[in-house]
Amino acid sequence: MPADLWSRSKCGLKILPYYAAGLPVIADSVGVHAEMIQAGVTGFLADTDEQWLEAIGPLSAAQTRRRRGRAARDFIEPQYSVAARRQRFVNTSRRRWRSIIHETRTGAAAS
């Protein structure tokens, strides 16, 4: 991925399902990838063809893939799981519904 403004704004969404499945990842260091990937622990950052080849090597061993995949799952669960985000969702939903009810009662939405 090019290291331009558009790429840097990417959210790392492709990494999340791999981590949730307990799989290590290899990704470039653009955007939040460098924050999401613990190099050598949950996966690898690779910007060049040589770095990609170096990263693939360790993952050819099943035990290494499982260990890093477990680390990836352990990393993501407390931050992105339903259980971790449940209360934030509930609070946000309550605030929004209260706002809608208030707007309906006061006619603020029509103005």
PDB file of N, CA and C in Angstrom:
ATOM      1  N   MET A   1       0.852  -1.165   0.000  1.00  0.00           N
ATOM      2  CA  MET A   1       0.000   0.000   0.000  1.00  0.00           C
ATOM      3  C   MET A   1       0.902   1.233   0.000  1.00  0.00           C
ATOM      4  N   PRO A   2       0.577   2.225  -0.795  1.00  0.00           N
ATOM      5  CA  PRO A   2       1.397   3.439  -0.812  1.00  0.00           C
ATOM      6  C   PRO A   2       1.278   4.205   0.507  1.00  0.00           C
ATOM      7  N   ALA A   3       2.320   4.865   0.904  1.00  0.00           N
ATOM      8  CA  ALA A   3       2.317   5.627   2.157  1.00  0.00           C
ATOM      9  C   ALA A   3       1.813   7.044   1.893  1.00  0.00           C
ATOM     10  N   ASP A   4       0.590   7.154   1.369  1.00  0.00           N
ATOM     11  CA  ASP A   4       0.018   8.465   1.101  1.00  0.00           C
ATOM     12  C   ASP A   4      -1.066   8.783   2.136  1.00  0.00           C
ATOM     13  N   LEU A   5      -1.659   9.962   2.037  1.00  0.00           N
ATOM     14  CA  LEU A   5      -2.654  10.407   3.013  1.00  0.00           C
ATOM     15  C   LEU A   5      -3.847   9.451   3.075  1.00  0.00           C
ATOM     16  N   TRP A   6      -4.340   9.011   1.938  1.00  0.00           N
ATOM     17  CA  TRP A   6      -5.487   8.096   1.902  1.00  0.00           C
ATOM     18  C   TRP A   6      -5.147   6.788   2.625  1.00  0.00           C
ATOM     19  N   SER A   7      -3.998   6.221   2.334  1.00  0.00           N
ATOM     20  CA  SER A   7      -3.601   4.953   2.958  1.00  0.00           C
ATOM     21  C   SER A   7      -3.380   5.104   4.451  1.00  0.00           C
ATOM     22  N   ARG A   8      -2.805   6.221   4.865  1.00  0.00           N
ATOM     23  CA  ARG A   8      -2.558   6.434   6.293  1.00  0.00           C
ATOM     24  C   ARG A   8      -3.850   6.561   7.083  1.00  0.00           C
ATOM     25  N   SER A   9      -4.947   6.915   6.405  1.00  0.00           N
ATOM     26  CA  SER A   9      -6.218   7.067   7.102  1.00  0.00           C
ATOM     27  C   SER A   9      -6.974   5.745   7.242  1.00  0.00           C
ATOM     28  N   LYS A  10      -6.447   4.681   6.678  1.00  0.00           N
ATOM     29  CA  LYS A  10      -7.108   3.371   6.766  1.00  0.00           C
ATOM     30  C   LYS A  10      -7.136   2.925   8.226  1.00  0.00           C
ATOM     31  N   CYS A  11      -8.165   2.201   8.600  1.00  0.00           N
ATOM     32  CA  CYS A  11      -8.356   1.878  10.013  1.00  0.00           C
ATOM     33  C   CYS A  11      -7.791   0.525  10.433  1.00  0.00           C
ATOM     34  N   GLY A  12      -7.247  -0.243   9.557  1.00  0.00           N
ATOM     35  CA  GLY A  12      -6.732  -1.551   9.941  1.00  0.00           C
ATOM     36  C   GLY A  12      -7.826  -2.595  10.018  1.00  0.00           C
ATOM     37  N   LEU A  13      -8.949  -2.343   9.371  1.00  0.00           N
ATOM     38  CA  LEU A  13     -10.102  -3.227   9.463  1.00  0.00           C
ATOM     39  C   LEU A  13      -9.792  -4.653   9.004  1.00  0.00           C
ATOM     40  N   LYS A  14      -8.907  -4.813   8.057  1.00  0.00           N
ATOM     41  CA  LYS A  14      -8.593  -6.159   7.568  1.00  0.00           C
ATOM     42  C   LYS A  14      -7.832  -6.974   8.609  1.00  0.00           C
ATOM     43  N   ILE A  15      -7.149  -6.317   9.511  1.00  0.00           N
ATOM     44  CA  ILE A  15      -6.396  -7.027  10.540  1.00  0.00           C
ATOM     45  C   ILE A  15      -7.331  -7.624  11.587  1.00  0.00           C
ATOM     46  N   LEU A  16      -8.399  -6.931  11.914  1.00  0.00           N
ATOM     47  CA  LEU A  16      -9.296  -7.357  12.992  1.00  0.00           C
ATOM     48  C   LEU A  16      -9.860  -8.767  12.821  1.00  0.00           C
ATOM     49  N   PRO A  17     -10.398  -9.143  11.646  1.00  0.00           N
ATOM     50  CA  PRO A  17     -10.942 -10.504  11.555  1.00  0.00           C
ATOM     51  C   PRO A  17      -9.877 -11.590  11.649  1.00  0.00           C
ATOM     52  N   TYR A  18      -8.683 -11.316  11.172  1.00  0.00           N
ATOM     53  CA  TYR A  18      -7.598 -12.290  11.303  1.00  0.00           C
ATOM     54  C   TYR A  18      -7.263 -12.500  12.769  1.00  0.00           C
ATOM     55  N   TYR A  19      -7.116 -11.404  13.489  1.00  0.00           N
ATOM     56  CA  TYR A  19      -6.839 -11.496  14.921  1.00  0.00           C
ATOM     57  C   TYR A  19      -7.975 -12.220  15.643  1.00  0.00           C
ATOM     58  N   ALA A  20      -9.214 -11.888  15.308  1.00  0.00           N
ATOM     59  CA  ALA A  20     -10.360 -12.519  15.951  1.00  0.00           C
ATOM     60  C   ALA A  20     -10.371 -14.026  15.708  1.00  0.00           C
ATOM     61  N   ALA A  21      -9.879 -14.439  14.548  1.00  0.00           N
ATOM     62  CA  ALA A  21      -9.801 -15.863  14.217  1.00  0.00           C
ATOM     63  C   ALA A  21      -8.562 -16.520  14.812  1.00  0.00           C
ATOM     64  N   GLY A  22      -7.752 -15.744  15.507  1.00  0.00           N
ATOM     65  CA  GLY A  22      -6.547 -16.296  16.109  1.00  0.00           C
ATOM     66  C   GLY A  22      -5.436 -16.534  15.107  1.00  0.00           C
ATOM     67  N   LEU A  23      -5.344 -15.646  14.125  1.00  0.00           N
ATOM     68  CA  LEU A  23      -4.317 -15.781  13.096  1.00  0.00           C
ATOM     69  C   LEU A  23      -3.346 -14.605  13.149  1.00  0.00           C
ATOM     70  N   PRO A  24      -2.054 -14.879  13.010  1.00  0.00           N
ATOM     71  CA  PRO A  24      -1.097 -13.778  12.915  1.00  0.00           C
ATOM     72  C   PRO A  24      -1.202 -13.126  11.541  1.00  0.00           C
ATOM     73  N   VAL A  25      -0.719 -11.912  11.416  1.00  0.00           N
ATOM     74  CA  VAL A  25      -0.815 -11.201  10.141  1.00  0.00           C
ATOM     75  C   VAL A  25       0.542 -10.682   9.692  1.00  0.00           C
ATOM     76  N   ILE A  26       0.602 -10.426   8.418  1.00  0.00           N
ATOM     77  CA  ILE A  26       1.722  -9.697   7.816  1.00  0.00           C
ATOM     78  C   ILE A  26       1.085  -8.538   7.083  1.00  0.00           C
ATOM     79  N   ALA A  27       1.492  -7.327   7.400  1.00  0.00           N
ATOM     80  CA  ALA A  27       0.927  -6.143   6.748  1.00  0.00           C
ATOM     81  C   ALA A  27       1.991  -5.063   6.658  1.00  0.00           C
ATOM     82  N   ASP A  28       1.770  -4.116   5.769  1.00  0.00           N
ATOM     83  CA  ASP A  28       2.699  -2.995   5.672  1.00  0.00           C
ATOM     84  C   ASP A  28       2.525  -2.083   6.878  1.00  0.00           C
ATOM     85  N   SER A  29       3.439  -1.177   7.061  1.00  0.00           N
ATOM     86  CA  SER A  29       3.440  -0.332   8.257  1.00  0.00           C
ATOM     87  C   SER A  29       2.678   0.975   8.070  1.00  0.00           C
ATOM     88  N   VAL A  30       1.849   1.064   7.055  1.00  0.00           N
ATOM     89  CA  VAL A  30       1.089   2.279   6.768  1.00  0.00           C
ATOM     90  C   VAL A  30      -0.115   2.374   7.713  1.00  0.00           C
ATOM     91  N   GLY A  31      -0.446   3.580   8.108  1.00  0.00           N
ATOM     92  CA  GLY A  31      -1.619   3.814   8.955  1.00  0.00           C
ATOM     93  C   GLY A  31      -1.457   3.235  10.340  1.00  0.00           C
ATOM     94  N   VAL A  32      -2.526   2.676  10.870  1.00  0.00           N
ATOM     95  CA  VAL A  32      -2.515   2.167  12.247  1.00  0.00           C
ATOM     96  C   VAL A  32      -1.918   0.769  12.365  1.00  0.00           C
ATOM     97  N   HIS A  33      -1.508   0.200  11.249  1.00  0.00           N
ATOM     98  CA  HIS A  33      -0.922  -1.140  11.303  1.00  0.00           C
ATOM     99  C   HIS A  33       0.215  -1.229  12.317  1.00  0.00           C
ATOM    100  N   ALA A  34       1.052  -0.209  12.357  1.00  0.00           N
ATOM    101  CA  ALA A  34       2.188  -0.229  13.281  1.00  0.00           C
ATOM    102  C   ALA A  34       1.738  -0.223  14.735  1.00  0.00           C
ATOM    103  N   GLU A  35       0.541   0.298  15.008  1.00  0.00           N
ATOM    104  CA  GLU A  35       0.000   0.276  16.371  1.00  0.00           C
ATOM    105  C   GLU A  35      -0.699  -1.044  16.670  1.00  0.00           C
ATOM    106  N   MET A  36      -1.337  -1.617  15.673  1.00  0.00           N
ATOM    107  CA  MET A  36      -2.121  -2.832  15.874  1.00  0.00           C
ATOM    108  C   MET A  36      -1.266  -4.098  15.883  1.00  0.00           C
ATOM    109  N   ILE A  37      -0.191  -4.089  15.116  1.00  0.00           N
ATOM    110  CA  ILE A  37       0.636  -5.286  15.006  1.00  0.00           C
ATOM    111  C   ILE A  37       1.821  -5.167  15.944  1.00  0.00           C
ATOM    112  N   GLN A  38       1.922  -6.113  16.847  1.00  0.00           N
ATOM    113  CA  GLN A  38       3.086  -6.197  17.722  1.00  0.00           C
ATOM    114  C   GLN A  38       4.108  -7.046  16.973  1.00  0.00           C
ATOM    115  N   ALA A  39       5.068  -6.373  16.344  1.00  0.00           N
ATOM    116  CA  ALA A  39       6.014  -7.050  15.464  1.00  0.00           C
ATOM    117  C   ALA A  39       6.696  -8.232  16.159  1.00  0.00           C
ATOM    118  N   GLY A  40       6.599  -9.387  15.517  1.00  0.00           N
ATOM    119  CA  GLY A  40       7.199 -10.593  16.053  1.00  0.00           C
ATOM    120  C   GLY A  40       6.361 -11.290  17.110  1.00  0.00           C
ATOM    121  N   VAL A  41       5.268 -10.648  17.543  1.00  0.00           N
ATOM    122  CA  VAL A  41       4.402 -11.232  18.578  1.00  0.00           C
ATOM    123  C   VAL A  41       3.061 -11.636  17.970  1.00  0.00           C
ATOM    124  N   THR A  42       2.359 -10.665  17.379  1.00  0.00           N
ATOM    125  CA  THR A  42       1.047 -10.939  16.779  1.00  0.00           C
ATOM    126  C   THR A  42       1.123 -11.000  15.261  1.00  0.00           C
ATOM    127  N   GLY A  43       2.261 -10.697  14.714  1.00  0.00           N
ATOM    128  CA  GLY A  43       2.446 -10.703  13.269  1.00  0.00           C
ATOM    129  C   GLY A  43       3.701  -9.946  12.902  1.00  0.00           C
ATOM    130  N   PHE A  44       3.745  -9.491  11.667  1.00  0.00           N
ATOM    131  CA  PHE A  44       4.933  -8.809  11.167  1.00  0.00           C
ATOM    132  C   PHE A  44       4.551  -7.604  10.328  1.00  0.00           C
ATOM    133  N   LEU A  45       5.371  -6.591  10.390  1.00  0.00           N
ATOM    134  CA  LEU A  45       5.250  -5.440   9.506  1.00  0.00           C
ATOM    135  C   LEU A  45       6.252  -5.635   8.378  1.00  0.00           C
ATOM    136  N   ALA A  46       5.800  -5.451   7.154  1.00  0.00           N
ATOM    137  CA  ALA A  46       6.670  -5.670   6.006  1.00  0.00           C
ATOM    138  C   ALA A  46       6.331  -4.664   4.916  1.00  0.00           C
ATOM    139  N   ASP A  47       7.309  -3.865   4.546  1.00  0.00           N
ATOM    140  CA  ASP A  47       7.097  -2.850   3.517  1.00  0.00           C
ATOM    141  C   ASP A  47       7.769  -3.195   2.183  1.00  0.00           C
ATOM    142  N   THR A  48       8.731  -4.085   2.210  1.00  0.00           N
ATOM    143  CA  THR A  48       9.449  -4.456   0.990  1.00  0.00           C
ATOM    144  C   THR A  48       9.228  -5.939   0.707  1.00  0.00           C
ATOM    145  N   ASP A  49       9.515  -6.342  -0.514  1.00  0.00           N
ATOM    146  CA  ASP A  49       9.405  -7.757  -0.868  1.00  0.00           C
ATOM    147  C   ASP A  49      10.289  -8.610   0.040  1.00  0.00           C
ATOM    148  N   GLU A  50      11.472  -8.112   0.336  1.00  0.00           N
ATOM    149  CA  GLU A  50      12.400  -8.856   1.193  1.00  0.00           C
ATOM    150  C   GLU A  50      11.823  -9.038   2.594  1.00  0.00           C
ATOM    151  N   GLN A  51      11.215  -7.984   3.133  1.00  0.00           N
ATOM    152  CA  GLN A  51      10.614  -8.075   4.468  1.00  0.00           C
ATOM    153  C   GLN A  51       9.438  -9.055   4.475  1.00  0.00           C
ATOM    154  N   TRP A  52       8.665  -9.088   3.402  1.00  0.00           N
ATOM    155  CA  TRP A  52       7.567 -10.051   3.308  1.00  0.00           C
ATOM    156  C   TRP A  52       8.115 -11.473   3.326  1.00  0.00           C
ATOM    157  N   LEU A  53       9.156 -11.716   2.557  1.00  0.00           N
ATOM    158  CA  LEU A  53       9.748 -13.051   2.529  1.00  0.00           C
ATOM    159  C   LEU A  53      10.310 -13.436   3.894  1.00  0.00           C
ATOM    160  N   GLU A  54      10.939 -12.488   4.571  1.00  0.00           N
ATOM    161  CA  GLU A  54      11.456 -12.750   5.922  1.00  0.00           C
ATOM    162  C   GLU A  54      10.323 -13.056   6.900  1.00  0.00           C
ATOM    163  N   ALA A  55       9.208 -12.394   6.756  1.00  0.00           N
ATOM    164  CA  ALA A  55       8.078 -12.582   7.663  1.00  0.00           C
ATOM    165  C   ALA A  55       7.383 -13.921   7.435  1.00  0.00           C
ATOM    166  N   ILE A  56       7.323 -14.359   6.202  1.00  0.00           N
ATOM    167  CA  ILE A  56       6.654 -15.620   5.881  1.00  0.00           C
ATOM    168  C   ILE A  56       7.410 -16.801   6.481  1.00  0.00           C
ATOM    169  N   GLY A  57       8.731 -16.712   6.510  1.00  0.00           N
ATOM    170  CA  GLY A  57       9.558 -17.816   7.009  1.00  0.00           C
ATOM    171  C   GLY A  57       9.137 -18.337   8.371  1.00  0.00           C
ATOM    172  N   PRO A  58       9.109 -17.507   9.407  1.00  0.00           N
ATOM    173  CA  PRO A  58       8.729 -17.992  10.736  1.00  0.00           C
ATOM    174  C   PRO A  58       7.309 -18.550  10.797  1.00  0.00           C
ATOM    175  N   LEU A  59       6.422 -18.027   9.960  1.00  0.00           N
ATOM    176  CA  LEU A  59       5.031 -18.478   9.995  1.00  0.00           C
ATOM    177  C   LEU A  59       4.825 -19.817   9.289  1.00  0.00           C
ATOM    178  N   SER A  60       5.878 -20.350   8.685  1.00  0.00           N
ATOM    179  CA  SER A  60       5.743 -21.662   8.050  1.00  0.00           C
ATOM    180  C   SER A  60       5.674 -22.779   9.092  1.00  0.00           C
ATOM    181  N   ALA A  61       6.100 -22.505  10.319  1.00  0.00           N
ATOM    182  CA  ALA A  61       6.019 -23.490  11.402  1.00  0.00           C
ATOM    183  C   ALA A  61       4.664 -23.377  12.095  1.00  0.00           C
ATOM    184  N   ALA A  62       3.926 -24.476  12.152  1.00  0.00           N
ATOM    185  CA  ALA A  62       2.577 -24.476  12.731  1.00  0.00           C
ATOM    186  C   ALA A  62       2.581 -23.989  14.172  1.00  0.00           C
ATOM    187  N   GLN A  63       3.543 -24.410  14.953  1.00  0.00           N
ATOM    188  CA  GLN A  63       3.590 -23.999  16.362  1.00  0.00           C
ATOM    189  C   GLN A  63       3.762 -22.482  16.487  1.00  0.00           C
ATOM    190  N   THR A  64       4.584 -21.907  15.642  1.00  0.00           N
ATOM    191  CA  THR A  64       4.798 -20.454  15.648  1.00  0.00           C
ATOM    192  C   THR A  64       3.516 -19.726  15.244  1.00  0.00           C
ATOM    193  N   ARG A  65       2.837 -20.231  14.215  1.00  0.00           N
ATOM    194  CA  ARG A  65       1.574 -19.613  13.793  1.00  0.00           C
ATOM    195  C   ARG A  65       0.552 -19.661  14.918  1.00  0.00           C
ATOM    196  N   ARG A  66       0.437 -20.799  15.584  1.00  0.00           N
ATOM    197  CA  ARG A  66      -0.534 -20.928  16.679  1.00  0.00           C
ATOM    198  C   ARG A  66      -0.197 -19.985  17.837  1.00  0.00           C
ATOM    199  N   ARG A  67       1.071 -19.913  18.207  1.00  0.00           N
ATOM    200  CA  ARG A  67       1.486 -19.050  19.324  1.00  0.00           C
ATOM    201  C   ARG A  67       1.216 -17.583  18.995  1.00  0.00           C
ATOM    202  N   ARG A  68       1.587 -17.172  17.810  1.00  0.00           N
ATOM    203  CA  ARG A  68       1.361 -15.772  17.411  1.00  0.00           C
ATOM    204  C   ARG A  68      -0.121 -15.499  17.193  1.00  0.00           C
ATOM    205  N   GLY A  69      -0.847 -16.477  16.693  1.00  0.00           N
ATOM    206  CA  GLY A  69      -2.292 -16.323  16.524  1.00  0.00           C
ATOM    207  C   GLY A  69      -2.993 -16.172  17.866  1.00  0.00           C
ATOM    208  N   ARG A  70      -2.553 -16.947  18.857  1.00  0.00           N
ATOM    209  CA  ARG A  70      -3.109 -16.814  20.210  1.00  0.00           C
ATOM    210  C   ARG A  70      -2.815 -15.425  20.771  1.00  0.00           C
ATOM    211  N   ALA A  71      -1.586 -14.963  20.555  1.00  0.00           N
ATOM    212  CA  ALA A  71      -1.203 -13.618  21.021  1.00  0.00           C
ATOM    213  C   ALA A  71      -2.052 -12.550  20.333  1.00  0.00           C
ATOM    214  N   ALA A  72      -2.346 -12.744  19.048  1.00  0.00           N
ATOM    215  CA  ALA A  72      -3.176 -11.791  18.304  1.00  0.00           C
ATOM    216  C   ALA A  72      -4.586 -11.757  18.887  1.00  0.00           C
ATOM    217  N   ARG A  73      -5.142 -12.930  19.144  1.00  0.00           N
ATOM    218  CA  ARG A  73      -6.491 -13.011  19.733  1.00  0.00           C
ATOM    219  C   ARG A  73      -6.505 -12.366  21.120  1.00  0.00           C
ATOM    220  N   ASP A  74      -5.503 -12.669  21.928  1.00  0.00           N
ATOM    221  CA  ASP A  74      -5.412 -12.091  23.268  1.00  0.00           C
ATOM    222  C   ASP A  74      -5.268 -10.569  23.214  1.00  0.00           C
ATOM    223  N   PHE A  75      -4.594 -10.070  22.205  1.00  0.00           N
ATOM    224  CA  PHE A  75      -4.399  -8.630  22.043  1.00  0.00           C
ATOM    225  C   PHE A  75      -5.711  -7.934  21.682  1.00  0.00           C
ATOM    226  N   ILE A  76      -6.484  -8.547  20.807  1.00  0.00           N
ATOM    227  CA  ILE A  76      -7.660  -7.880  20.267  1.00  0.00           C
ATOM    228  C   ILE A  76      -8.891  -7.983  21.161  1.00  0.00           C
ATOM    229  N   GLU A  77      -9.042  -9.084  21.878  1.00  0.00           N
ATOM    230  CA  GLU A  77     -10.254  -9.300  22.670  1.00  0.00           C
ATOM    231  C   GLU A  77     -10.576  -8.187  23.659  1.00  0.00           C
ATOM    232  N   PRO A  78      -9.626  -7.748  24.480  1.00  0.00           N
ATOM    233  CA  PRO A  78      -9.989  -6.718  25.455  1.00  0.00           C
ATOM    234  C   PRO A  78     -10.293  -5.350  24.829  1.00  0.00           C
ATOM    235  N   GLN A  79      -9.931  -5.154  23.578  1.00  0.00           N
ATOM    236  CA  GLN A  79     -10.155  -3.857  22.943  1.00  0.00           C
ATOM    237  C   GLN A  79     -11.333  -3.824  21.982  1.00  0.00           C
ATOM    238  N   TYR A  80     -11.588  -4.944  21.301  1.00  0.00           N
ATOM    239  CA  TYR A  80     -12.566  -4.918  20.216  1.00  0.00           C
ATOM    240  C   TYR A  80     -13.688  -5.945  20.333  1.00  0.00           C
ATOM    241  N   SER A  81     -13.693  -6.776  21.332  1.00  0.00           N
ATOM    242  CA  SER A  81     -14.742  -7.792  21.440  1.00  0.00           C
ATOM    243  C   SER A  81     -16.075  -7.142  21.787  1.00  0.00           C
ATOM    244  N   VAL A  82     -17.151  -7.884  21.571  1.00  0.00           N
ATOM    245  CA  VAL A  82     -18.480  -7.395  21.927  1.00  0.00           C
ATOM    246  C   VAL A  82     -18.530  -7.072  23.414  1.00  0.00           C
ATOM    247  N   ALA A  83     -17.968  -7.960  24.232  1.00  0.00           N
ATOM    248  CA  ALA A  83     -17.978  -7.738  25.683  1.00  0.00           C
ATOM    249  C   ALA A  83     -17.251  -6.447  26.049  1.00  0.00           C
ATOM    250  N   ALA A  84     -16.131  -6.181  25.376  1.00  0.00           N
ATOM    251  CA  ALA A  84     -15.348  -4.987  25.675  1.00  0.00           C
ATOM    252  C   ALA A  84     -16.054  -3.709  25.234  1.00  0.00           C
ATOM    253  N   ARG A  85     -16.824  -3.780  24.177  1.00  0.00           N
ATOM    254  CA  ARG A  85     -17.482  -2.596  23.615  1.00  0.00           C
ATOM    255  C   ARG A  85     -18.949  -2.458  24.026  1.00  0.00           C
ATOM    256  N   ARG A  86     -19.487  -3.462  24.706  1.00  0.00           N
ATOM    257  CA  ARG A  86     -20.908  -3.487  25.043  1.00  0.00           C
ATOM    258  C   ARG A  86     -21.367  -2.229  25.765  1.00  0.00           C
ATOM    259  N   GLN A  87     -20.694  -1.863  26.839  1.00  0.00           N
ATOM    260  CA  GLN A  87     -21.144  -0.715  27.632  1.00  0.00           C
ATOM    261  C   GLN A  87     -21.050   0.579  26.841  1.00  0.00           C
ATOM    262  N   ARG A  88     -20.020   0.726  26.037  1.00  0.00           N
ATOM    263  CA  ARG A  88     -19.904   1.928  25.208  1.00  0.00           C
ATOM    264  C   ARG A  88     -21.066   2.005  24.225  1.00  0.00           C
ATOM    265  N   PHE A  89     -21.427   0.872  23.627  1.00  0.00           N
ATOM    266  CA  PHE A  89     -22.557   0.826  22.706  1.00  0.00           C
ATOM    267  C   PHE A  89     -23.853   1.191  23.422  1.00  0.00           C
ATOM    268  N   VAL A  90     -24.064   0.612  24.596  1.00  0.00           N
ATOM    269  CA  VAL A  90     -25.271   0.886  25.364  1.00  0.00           C
ATOM    270  C   VAL A  90     -25.345   2.372  25.714  1.00  0.00           C
ATOM    271  N   ASN A  91     -24.261   2.927  26.201  1.00  0.00           N
ATOM    272  CA  ASN A  91     -24.252   4.345  26.583  1.00  0.00           C
ATOM    273  C   ASN A  91     -24.504   5.254  25.388  1.00  0.00           C
ATOM    274  N   THR A  92     -23.870   4.961  24.274  1.00  0.00           N
ATOM    275  CA  THR A  92     -24.059   5.762  23.063  1.00  0.00           C
ATOM    276  C   THR A  92     -25.498   5.656  22.578  1.00  0.00           C
ATOM    277  N   SER A  93     -26.040   4.447  22.601  1.00  0.00           N
ATOM    278  CA  SER A  93     -27.434   4.246  22.177  1.00  0.00           C
ATOM    279  C   SER A  93     -28.398   5.004  23.075  1.00  0.00           C
ATOM    280  N   ARG A  94     -28.184   4.944  24.373  1.00  0.00           N
ATOM    281  CA  ARG A  94     -29.058   5.677  25.308  1.00  0.00           C
ATOM    282  C   ARG A  94     -29.024   7.175  25.047  1.00  0.00           C
ATOM    283  N   ARG A  95     -27.816   7.708  24.882  1.00  0.00           N
ATOM    284  CA  ARG A  95     -27.703   9.143  24.608  1.00  0.00           C
ATOM    285  C   ARG A  95     -28.437   9.508  23.321  1.00  0.00           C
ATOM    286  N   ARG A  96     -28.297   8.704  22.300  1.00  0.00           N
ATOM    287  CA  ARG A  96     -28.934   9.007  21.015  1.00  0.00           C
ATOM    288  C   ARG A  96     -30.453   8.928  21.141  1.00  0.00           C
ATOM    289  N   TRP A  97     -30.959   7.892  21.798  1.00  0.00           N
ATOM    290  CA  TRP A  97     -32.410   7.768  21.962  1.00  0.00           C
ATOM    291  C   TRP A  97     -32.970   8.903  22.804  1.00  0.00           C
ATOM    292  N   ARG A  98     -32.267   9.306  23.843  1.00  0.00           N
ATOM    293  CA  ARG A  98     -32.722  10.445  24.653  1.00  0.00           C
ATOM    294  C   ARG A  98     -32.787  11.703  23.803  1.00  0.00           C
ATOM    295  N   SER A  99     -31.800  11.868  22.935  1.00  0.00           N
ATOM    296  CA  SER A  99     -31.775  13.025  22.056  1.00  0.00           C
ATOM    297  C   SER A  99     -32.960  12.994  21.087  1.00  0.00           C
ATOM    298  N   ILE A 100     -33.239  11.831  20.538  1.00  0.00           N
ATOM    299  CA  ILE A 100     -34.376  11.690  19.609  1.00  0.00           C
ATOM    300  C   ILE A 100     -35.687  11.968  20.332  1.00  0.00           C
ATOM    301  N   ILE A 101     -35.843  11.422  21.518  1.00  0.00           N
ATOM    302  CA  ILE A 101     -37.073  11.645  22.304  1.00  0.00           C
ATOM    303  C   ILE A 101     -37.224  13.125  22.627  1.00  0.00           C
ATOM    304  N   HIS A 102     -36.132  13.760  23.049  1.00  0.00           N
ATOM    305  CA  HIS A 102     -36.174  15.193  23.366  1.00  0.00           C
ATOM    306  C   HIS A 102     -36.565  16.006  22.131  1.00  0.00           C
ATOM    307  N   GLU A 103     -35.956  15.682  20.990  1.00  0.00           N
ATOM    308  CA  GLU A 103     -36.269  16.404  19.751  1.00  0.00           C
ATOM    309  C   GLU A 103     -37.727  16.226  19.367  1.00  0.00           C
ATOM    310  N   THR A 104     -38.252  15.018  19.561  1.00  0.00           N
ATOM    311  CA  THR A 104     -39.642  14.733  19.217  1.00  0.00           C
ATOM    312  C   THR A 104     -40.587  15.511  20.120  1.00  0.00           C
ATOM    313  N   ARG A 105     -40.281  15.532  21.404  1.00  0.00           N
ATOM    314  CA  ARG A 105     -41.163  16.219  22.356  1.00  0.00           C
ATOM    315  C   ARG A 105     -41.122  17.740  22.196  1.00  0.00           C
ATOM    316  N   THR A 106     -39.954  18.280  21.900  1.00  0.00           N
ATOM    317  CA  THR A 106     -39.823  19.739  21.833  1.00  0.00           C
ATOM    318  C   THR A 106     -39.974  20.275  20.409  1.00  0.00           C
ATOM    319  N   GLY A 107     -40.004  19.387  19.433  1.00  0.00           N
ATOM    320  CA  GLY A 107     -40.090  19.846  18.049  1.00  0.00           C
ATOM    321  C   GLY A 107     -38.778  20.377  17.532  1.00  0.00           C
ATOM    322  N   ALA A 108     -37.690  20.116  18.252  1.00  0.00           N
ATOM    323  CA  ALA A 108     -36.376  20.637  17.850  1.00  0.00           C
ATOM    324  C   ALA A 108     -35.916  20.058  16.528  1.00  0.00           C
ATOM    325  N   ALA A 109     -36.346  18.856  16.200  1.00  0.00           N
ATOM    326  CA  ALA A 109     -35.911  18.243  14.947  1.00  0.00           C
ATOM    327  C   ALA A 109     -36.473  18.975  13.737  1.00  0.00           C
ATOM    328  N   ALA A 110     -37.645  19.564  13.879  1.00  0.00           N
ATOM    329  CA  ALA A 110     -38.290  20.251  12.759  1.00  0.00           C
ATOM    330  C   ALA A 110     -37.649  21.588  12.452  1.00  0.00           C
ATOM    331  N   SER A 111     -36.912  22.147  13.402  1.00  0.00           N
ATOM    332  CA  SER A 111     -36.361  23.479  13.157  1.00  0.00           C
ATOM    333  C   SER A 111     -35.053  23.435  12.428  1.00  0.00           C
TER     334      SER A 111
END
